[in-house]
Amino acid sequence: MRFPATNTTPVEPAIAPGFWRSRYAIGLVVMAAVASYFLLTEHLAHTLGALPYLLLAACPLMHLFMHHGHDGHKHAPGNGAAPTPPAKPGEPP
């Protein structure tokens, strides 16, 4: 009995879309938007009363999360002095 030739190349499995592209995530975002709208419209006075405290709470959070651009506070040796250029080959250090 002879079997027909089959394609021997491996088939990649289909990758399921991530959570944020699923219908559950879209529903979650829509429900959060509706809840936020009603929370703000019905409790606007309470929300505006908490605004100064939210602004003060944002300061330490910004300090913690926005210092990644400073190379982790790694300072150059010499405490602020300009770094010396590397020696050329053949010159004494």
Protein backbone atom coordinates (compact mmCIF):
# COMPACT_ATOMS: atom_id res chain seq x y z
CA MET A 1 0.00 0.00 0.00
CA ARG A 2 1.38 3.34 -0.99
CA PHE A 3 0.56 6.57 0.84
CA PRO A 4 0.45 9.90 -0.99
CA ALA A 5 3.30 12.34 -0.39
CA THR A 6 2.63 14.84 2.35
CA ASN A 7 4.11 18.19 3.10
CA THR A 8 6.84 17.68 5.70
CA THR A 9 7.35 21.32 6.63
CA PRO A 10 6.36 22.03 10.24
CA VAL A 11 3.21 24.03 10.71
CA GLU A 12 3.34 26.83 13.26
CA PRO A 13 0.47 26.75 15.73
CA ALA A 14 -2.00 29.62 15.53
CA ILE A 15 -1.28 32.21 18.20
CA ALA A 16 -4.33 33.34 20.12
CA PRO A 17 -4.79 37.09 20.32
CA GLY A 18 -3.82 38.76 23.57
CA PHE A 19 -6.28 39.67 26.29
CA TRP A 20 -6.56 43.32 25.25
CA ARG A 21 -7.78 42.29 21.79
CA SER A 22 -10.44 39.91 23.09
CA ARG A 23 -14.12 40.73 23.42
CA TYR A 24 -13.84 40.47 27.20
CA ALA A 25 -11.29 43.28 27.34
CA ILE A 26 -13.42 45.47 25.09
CA GLY A 27 -16.41 44.86 27.36
CA LEU A 28 -14.29 45.61 30.41
CA VAL A 29 -13.12 48.92 28.92
CA VAL A 30 -16.67 49.91 27.97
CA MET A 31 -18.01 49.08 31.45
CA ALA A 32 -15.15 51.01 33.07
CA ALA A 33 -15.89 54.02 30.87
CA VAL A 34 -19.61 53.95 31.75
CA ALA A 35 -18.86 53.54 35.46
CA SER A 36 -16.35 56.41 35.33
CA TYR A 37 -18.87 58.66 33.60
CA PHE A 38 -21.58 58.03 36.19
CA LEU A 39 -19.10 58.30 39.06
CA LEU A 40 -17.91 61.69 37.85
CA THR A 41 -21.35 63.09 37.02
CA GLU A 42 -23.06 61.95 40.21
CA HIS A 43 -20.18 62.61 42.60
CA LEU A 44 -18.47 65.61 41.03
CA ALA A 45 -18.20 67.53 44.29
CA HIS A 46 -16.50 64.60 46.02
CA THR A 47 -14.18 64.09 43.07
CA LEU A 48 -13.13 67.74 42.96
CA GLY A 49 -12.61 67.69 46.73
CA ALA A 50 -10.11 64.83 46.40
CA LEU A 51 -8.21 66.47 43.53
CA PRO A 52 -5.59 68.29 45.69
CA TYR A 53 -4.80 65.06 47.51
CA LEU A 54 -4.44 63.18 44.24
CA LEU A 55 -2.04 65.85 43.02
CA LEU A 56 0.06 65.48 46.17
CA ALA A 57 0.02 61.69 45.82
CA ALA A 58 1.21 61.99 42.23
CA CYS A 59 4.47 63.70 43.27
CA PRO A 60 6.09 60.71 45.05
CA LEU A 61 4.77 58.32 42.40
CA MET A 62 6.31 60.40 39.64
CA HIS A 63 9.57 60.52 41.59
CA LEU A 64 9.63 56.73 41.89
CA PHE A 65 8.65 55.84 38.35
CA MET A 66 10.29 58.60 36.31
CA HIS A 67 13.91 58.32 37.44
CA HIS A 68 14.76 55.56 34.98
CA GLY A 69 16.32 58.14 32.63
CA HIS A 70 18.95 59.14 35.17
CA ASP A 71 20.92 55.87 34.89
CA GLY A 72 19.86 54.85 38.37
CA HIS A 73 21.70 57.76 40.02
CA LYS A 74 25.08 56.31 39.04
CA HIS A 75 27.40 59.27 39.29
CA ALA A 76 30.75 59.55 37.52
CA PRO A 77 33.84 59.03 39.67
CA GLY A 78 35.32 62.28 40.93
CA ASN A 79 32.07 63.75 42.30
CA GLY A 80 31.11 65.90 39.36
CA ALA A 81 34.58 66.52 37.95
CA ALA A 82 34.97 66.15 34.23
CA PRO A 83 36.16 62.65 33.29
CA THR A 84 39.69 62.40 31.98
CA PRO A 85 40.04 61.29 28.35
CA PRO A 86 41.50 57.84 27.77
CA ALA A 87 45.23 57.67 27.23
CA LYS A 88 46.50 57.22 23.69
CA PRO A 89 48.43 54.07 22.92
CA GLY A 90 52.13 54.49 23.71
CA GLU A 91 51.62 57.32 26.24
CA PRO A 92 52.24 56.82 29.95
CA PRO A 93 49.06 57.00 32.06
